[in-house]
C-alpha atoms as a PDB file:
ATOM      1  CA  MET A   1       0.000   0.000   0.000  1.00  0.00           C
ATOM      2  CA  PRO A   2       1.476   3.402  -0.968  1.00  0.00           C
ATOM      3  CA  GLU A   3       2.422   5.862   1.735  1.00  0.00           C
ATOM      4  CA  THR A   4      -0.010   8.734   2.296  1.00  0.00           C
ATOM      5  CA  SER A   5       1.382  12.076   1.090  1.00  0.00           C
ATOM      6  CA  ASN A   6       1.364  15.249   3.178  1.00  0.00           C
ATOM      7  CA  LEU A   7      -1.265  16.671   0.827  1.00  0.00           C
ATOM      8  CA  GLU A   8      -3.488  13.631   1.335  1.00  0.00           C
ATOM      9  CA  ARG A   9      -3.077  13.790   5.113  1.00  0.00           C
ATOM     10  CA  ILE A  10      -4.046  17.460   5.295  1.00  0.00           C
ATOM     11  CA  VAL A  11      -6.814  17.236   2.683  1.00  0.00           C
ATOM     12  CA  SER A  12      -8.437  14.275   4.429  1.00  0.00           C
ATOM     13  CA  VAL A  13      -8.751  16.312   7.645  1.00  0.00           C
ATOM     14  CA  PHE A  14     -10.058  19.365   5.777  1.00  0.00           C
ATOM     15  CA  LEU A  15     -12.611  17.278   3.900  1.00  0.00           C
ATOM     16  CA  ARG A  16     -13.800  15.616   7.094  1.00  0.00           C
ATOM     17  CA  HIS A  17     -14.398  19.084   8.568  1.00  0.00           C
ATOM     18  CA  GLN A  18     -16.031  20.310   5.316  1.00  0.00           C
ATOM     19  CA  VAL A  19     -13.519  23.152   4.882  1.00  0.00           C
ATOM     20  CA  GLU A  20     -13.877  25.021   1.599  1.00  0.00           C
ATOM     21  CA  PHE A  21     -10.394  25.268   0.056  1.00  0.00           C
ATOM     22  CA  ILE A  22      -8.492  25.118  -3.213  1.00  0.00           C
ATOM     23  CA  VAL A  23      -5.116  23.410  -3.693  1.00  0.00           C
ATOM     24  CA  ILE A  24      -2.596  25.899  -5.085  1.00  0.00           C
ATOM     25  CA  GLY A  25       1.179  26.097  -5.506  1.00  0.00           C
ATOM     26  CA  GLY A  26       3.466  23.146  -6.063  1.00  0.00           C
ATOM     27  CA  GLN A  27       0.897  20.529  -5.068  1.00  0.00           C
ATOM     28  CA  ALA A  28      -1.470  21.918  -7.731  1.00  0.00           C
ATOM     29  CA  GLU A  29       1.382  21.627 -10.238  1.00  0.00           C
ATOM     30  CA  THR A  30       1.822  17.989  -9.274  1.00  0.00           C
ATOM     31  CA  LEU A  31      -1.909  17.326  -9.667  1.00  0.00           C
ATOM     32  CA  MET A  32      -1.699  18.849 -13.158  1.00  0.00           C
ATOM     33  CA  GLY A  33       1.114  16.490 -14.112  1.00  0.00           C
ATOM     34  CA  SER A  34       4.249  18.517 -13.436  1.00  0.00           C
ATOM     35  CA  PRO A  35       7.313  16.511 -12.384  1.00  0.00           C
ATOM     36  CA  ARG A  36       8.259  19.224  -9.885  1.00  0.00           C
ATOM     37  CA  VAL A  37       8.731  17.827  -6.397  1.00  0.00           C
ATOM     38  CA  THR A  38       7.374  19.841  -3.482  1.00  0.00           C
ATOM     39  CA  TYR A  39       6.811  18.849   0.111  1.00  0.00           C
ATOM     40  CA  ASP A  40       4.810  21.758   1.455  1.00  0.00           C
ATOM     41  CA  THR A  41       1.093  22.218   0.948  1.00  0.00           C
ATOM     42  CA  ASP A  42      -0.410  25.533  -0.155  1.00  0.00           C
ATOM     43  CA  LEU A  43      -4.160  25.986   0.184  1.00  0.00           C
ATOM     44  CA  CYS A  44      -6.400  28.977  -0.454  1.00  0.00           C
ATOM     45  CA  TYR A  45      -9.424  28.981   1.856  1.00  0.00           C
ATOM     46  CA  ARG A  46     -12.798  30.704   1.814  1.00  0.00           C
ATOM     47  CA  ARG A  47     -12.903  33.416   4.470  1.00  0.00           C
ATOM     48  CA  SER A  48     -16.593  33.145   5.370  1.00  0.00           C
ATOM     49  CA  GLU A  49     -17.403  33.030   9.078  1.00  0.00           C
ATOM     50  CA  SER A  50     -18.698  29.460   8.912  1.00  0.00           C
ATOM     51  CA  ASN A  51     -15.671  28.252   6.927  1.00  0.00           C
ATOM     52  CA  LEU A  52     -13.271  29.907   9.379  1.00  0.00           C
ATOM     53  CA  GLU A  53     -14.973  27.904  12.158  1.00  0.00           C
ATOM     54  CA  ARG A  54     -14.596  24.660  10.176  1.00  0.00           C
ATOM     55  CA  LEU A  55     -10.990  25.519   9.314  1.00  0.00           C
ATOM     56  CA  ALA A  56     -10.166  26.220  12.964  1.00  0.00           C
ATOM     57  CA  ASN A  57     -11.653  22.847  13.950  1.00  0.00           C
ATOM     58  CA  ALA A  58      -9.624  21.075  11.250  1.00  0.00           C
ATOM     59  CA  LEU A  59      -6.446  22.843  12.322  1.00  0.00           C
ATOM     60  CA  SER A  60      -7.010  21.877  15.963  1.00  0.00           C
ATOM     61  CA  GLU A  61      -6.828  18.269  14.778  1.00  0.00           C
ATOM     62  CA  ILE A  62      -3.646  18.886  12.756  1.00  0.00           C
ATOM     63  CA  LYS A  63      -1.949  20.765  15.635  1.00  0.00           C
ATOM     64  CA  PRO A  64      -0.006  23.415  13.695  1.00  0.00           C
ATOM     65  CA  SER A  65       2.614  25.835  14.963  1.00  0.00           C
ATOM     66  CA  LEU A  66       3.689  29.103  13.398  1.00  0.00           C
ATOM     67  CA  ARG A  67       6.609  28.348  11.109  1.00  0.00           C
ATOM     68  CA  GLY A  68       9.698  30.343  12.001  1.00  0.00           C
ATOM     69  CA  ALA A  69       8.270  31.652  15.283  1.00  0.00           C
ATOM     70  CA  PRO A  70       9.904  30.979  18.656  1.00  0.00           C
ATOM     71  CA  ALA A  71       8.692  27.677  20.124  1.00  0.00           C
ATOM     72  CA  ASP A  72       7.499  29.416  23.310  1.00  0.00           C
ATOM     73  CA  LEU A  73       5.397  32.002  21.454  1.00  0.00           C
ATOM     74  CA  PRO A  74       1.769  31.599  22.580  1.00  0.00           C
ATOM     75  CA  PHE A  75      -0.344  30.669  19.600  1.00  0.00           C
ATOM     76  CA  THR A  76      -4.031  29.851  19.480  1.00  0.00           C
ATOM     77  CA  ILE A  77      -5.557  29.183  16.120  1.00  0.00           C
ATOM     78  CA  ASP A  78      -9.274  29.700  16.263  1.00  0.00           C
ATOM     79  CA  ALA A  79     -11.821  31.347  13.980  1.00  0.00           C
ATOM     80  CA  ARG A  80     -11.099  34.774  15.515  1.00  0.00           C
ATOM     81  CA  ALA A  81      -7.346  34.477  14.900  1.00  0.00           C
ATOM     82  CA  LEU A  82      -8.014  33.322  11.341  1.00  0.00           C
ATOM     83  CA  ALA A  83     -10.370  36.259  10.772  1.00  0.00           C
ATOM     84  CA  LEU A  84      -7.763  38.738  12.041  1.00  0.00           C
ATOM     85  CA  GLY A  85      -5.110  37.419   9.654  1.00  0.00           C
ATOM     86  CA  SER A  86      -5.192  36.205   6.110  1.00  0.00           C
ATOM     87  CA  ASN A  87      -2.081  34.254   5.142  1.00  0.00           C
ATOM     88  CA  PHE A  88      -0.492  31.839   7.586  1.00  0.00           C
ATOM     89  CA  THR A  89       2.730  29.828   7.321  1.00  0.00           C
ATOM     90  CA  LEU A  90       2.438  26.796   9.559  1.00  0.00           C
ATOM     91  CA  SER A  91       4.387  23.693  10.476  1.00  0.00           C
ATOM     92  CA  THR A  92       2.380  20.530  11.075  1.00  0.00           C
ATOM     93  CA  PRO A  93       3.138  16.850  11.644  1.00  0.00           C
ATOM     94  CA  ALA A  94       1.993  16.466   7.994  1.00  0.00           C
ATOM     95  CA  GLY A  95       4.594  18.972   6.752  1.00  0.00           C
ATOM     96  CA  ASP A  96       4.615  22.678   6.132  1.00  0.00           C
ATOM     97  CA  LEU A  97       1.237  24.228   5.367  1.00  0.00           C
ATOM     98  CA  ASP A  98       0.654  27.660   3.872  1.00  0.00           C
ATOM     99  CA  LEU A  99      -2.928  28.881   4.255  1.00  0.00           C
ATOM    100  CA  LEU A 100      -3.743  31.780   2.002  1.00  0.00           C
ATOM    101  CA  GLY A 101      -6.822  33.925   2.254  1.00  0.00           C
ATOM    102  CA  TRP A 102      -5.428  36.179  -0.491  1.00  0.00           C
ATOM    103  CA  VAL A 103      -3.317  35.056  -3.438  1.00  0.00           C
ATOM    104  CA  GLU A 104      -1.315  37.644  -5.404  1.00  0.00           C
ATOM    105  CA  PRO A 105      -2.153  38.822  -8.035  1.00  0.00           C
ATOM    106  CA  LEU A 106      -5.565  37.129  -8.287  1.00  0.00           C
ATOM    107  CA  GLY A 107      -7.333  37.731  -4.992  1.00  0.00           C
ATOM    108  CA  ALA A 108      -9.393  35.623  -2.610  1.00  0.00           C
ATOM    109  CA  TYR A 109     -10.960  32.160  -2.829  1.00  0.00           C
ATOM    110  CA  GLU A 110     -13.931  33.500  -4.796  1.00  0.00           C
ATOM    111  CA  ALA A 111     -11.622  34.715  -7.584  1.00  0.00           C
ATOM    112  CA  LEU A 112      -9.768  31.384  -7.793  1.00  0.00           C
ATOM    113  CA  ILE A 113     -12.818  29.105  -7.670  1.00  0.00           C
ATOM    114  CA  LYS A 114     -14.128  30.487 -11.000  1.00  0.00           C
ATOM    115  CA  ASN A 115     -11.357  28.836 -13.044  1.00  0.00           C
ATOM    116  CA  SER A 116     -10.590  25.954 -10.685  1.00  0.00           C
ATOM    117  CA  GLU A 117     -10.107  22.378 -11.833  1.00  0.00           C
ATOM    118  CA  THR A 118     -11.065  19.114 -10.146  1.00  0.00           C
ATOM    119  CA  TYR A 119      -8.644  16.299  -9.296  1.00  0.00           C
ATOM    120  CA  GLU A 120      -8.958  13.114  -7.303  1.00  0.00           C
ATOM    121  CA  VAL A 121      -7.236  13.182  -3.925  1.00  0.00           C
ATOM    122  CA  CYS A 122      -8.009  10.751  -1.109  1.00  0.00           C
ATOM    123  CA  GLY A 123     -10.561   8.990  -3.294  1.00  0.00           C
ATOM    124  CA  THR A 124     -12.684  12.121  -3.660  1.00  0.00           C
ATOM    125  CA  HIS A 125     -12.778  15.201  -5.854  1.00  0.00           C
ATOM    126  CA  VAL A 126     -10.789  18.221  -4.698  1.00  0.00           C
ATOM    127  CA  ARG A 127     -10.672  21.687  -6.246  1.00  0.00           C
ATOM    128  CA  SER A 128      -7.322  22.982  -7.509  1.00  0.00           C
ATOM    129  CA  ILE A 129      -6.359  26.327  -8.930  1.00  0.00           C
ATOM    130  CA  GLY A 130      -6.817  26.517 -12.694  1.00  0.00           C
ATOM    131  CA  LEU A 131      -3.771  26.151 -14.923  1.00  0.00           C
ATOM    132  CA  ASP A 132      -4.002  29.660 -16.398  1.00  0.00           C
ATOM    133  CA  ASP A 133      -4.382  31.189 -12.916  1.00  0.00           C
ATOM    134  CA  LEU A 134      -1.362  29.257 -11.635  1.00  0.00           C
ATOM    135  CA  ILE A 135       0.644  30.459 -14.638  1.00  0.00           C
ATOM    136  CA  ARG A 136      -0.348  34.071 -13.833  1.00  0.00           C
ATOM    137  CA  ILE A 137       0.797  33.651 -10.230  1.00  0.00           C
ATOM    138  CA  LYS A 138       4.149  32.150 -11.241  1.00  0.00           C
ATOM    139  CA  GLN A 139       4.711  34.966 -13.763  1.00  0.00           C
ATOM    140  CA  HIS A 140       3.834  37.554 -11.103  1.00  0.00           C
ATOM    141  CA  ILE A 141       6.053  36.146  -8.331  1.00  0.00           C
ATOM    142  CA  SER A 142       8.947  35.256 -10.664  1.00  0.00           C
ATOM    143  CA  ARG A 143      11.347  33.710  -8.145  1.00  0.00           C
ATOM    144  CA  PRO A 144      13.858  31.262  -9.696  1.00  0.00           C
ATOM    145  CA  LYS A 145      11.752  28.270  -8.582  1.00  0.00           C
ATOM    146  CA  ASP A 146       8.645  29.945 -10.037  1.00  0.00           C
ATOM    147  CA  ARG A 147      10.391  30.386 -13.383  1.00  0.00           C
ATOM    148  CA  ASP A 148      11.249  26.663 -13.330  1.00  0.00           C
ATOM    149  CA  SER A 149       7.619  25.861 -12.541  1.00  0.00           C
ATOM    150  CA  LEU A 150       6.447  28.205 -15.263  1.00  0.00           C
ATOM    151  CA  PHE A 151       8.424  26.206 -17.840  1.00  0.00           C
ATOM    152  CA  GLN A 152       6.612  23.015 -16.733  1.00  0.00           C
ATOM    153  CA  LEU A 153       3.195  24.677 -16.576  1.00  0.00           C
ATOM    154  CA  LEU A 154       3.513  26.144 -20.055  1.00  0.00           C
ATOM    155  CA  ALA A 155       4.466  22.691 -21.358  1.00  0.00           C
ATOM    156  CA  ILE A 156       1.339  21.248 -19.698  1.00  0.00           C
ATOM    157  CA  LYS A 157      -0.748  24.007 -21.284  1.00  0.00           C
ATOM    158  CA  ASN A 158       0.724  23.231 -24.709  1.00  0.00           C
ATOM    159  CA  LEU A 159      -0.048  19.517 -24.267  1.00  0.00           C
ATOM    160  CA  ARG A 160      -3.619  20.330 -23.263  1.00  0.00           C
ATOM    161  CA  ASN A 161      -4.016  22.615 -26.277  1.00  0.00           C
ATOM    162  CA  GLU A 162      -2.653  19.921 -28.611  1.00  0.00           C
ATOM    163  CA  GLY A 163      -5.046  17.391 -27.091  1.00  0.00           C
ATOM    164  CA  SER A 164      -8.063  19.628 -27.569  1.00  0.00           C
ATOM    165  CA  ALA A 165      -7.087  20.394 -31.183  1.00  0.00           C
ATOM    166  CA  SER A 166      -7.243  16.744 -32.237  1.00  0.00           C
END
């Protein structure tokens, strides 16, 4: 039996708590077929009051800590804390987790869901950022690793376009 990935571990908890989220970043690239290897999980989440409650409950099960913060820094992640912030970089037993309420240059969950794609994760369908949106983000950020990803994503787009032309 294959080992469960960090993405699968986190997604299974989020799904159980009915959190509304979209897979973005390197894990979305992998779902699209990119050979890029990434170990962290980036998720964009809906910032509605009810979803913040569900997200807080899911996170209490995952037991995150603030990545890069002193170990003795008091940290409570509840719906209020989530509402007061937007983007969180966390460490969890299932690997690093970046939770984004706002994704440059596109915006919030509602902007990303419009062009999202569906992939199977944990035996169920999960929403992922759309290919064109992910390309826009990588072009906007333009770090060396984003330029490498952009090369892969453009190749995937070309393959998709060739497939739809035949």
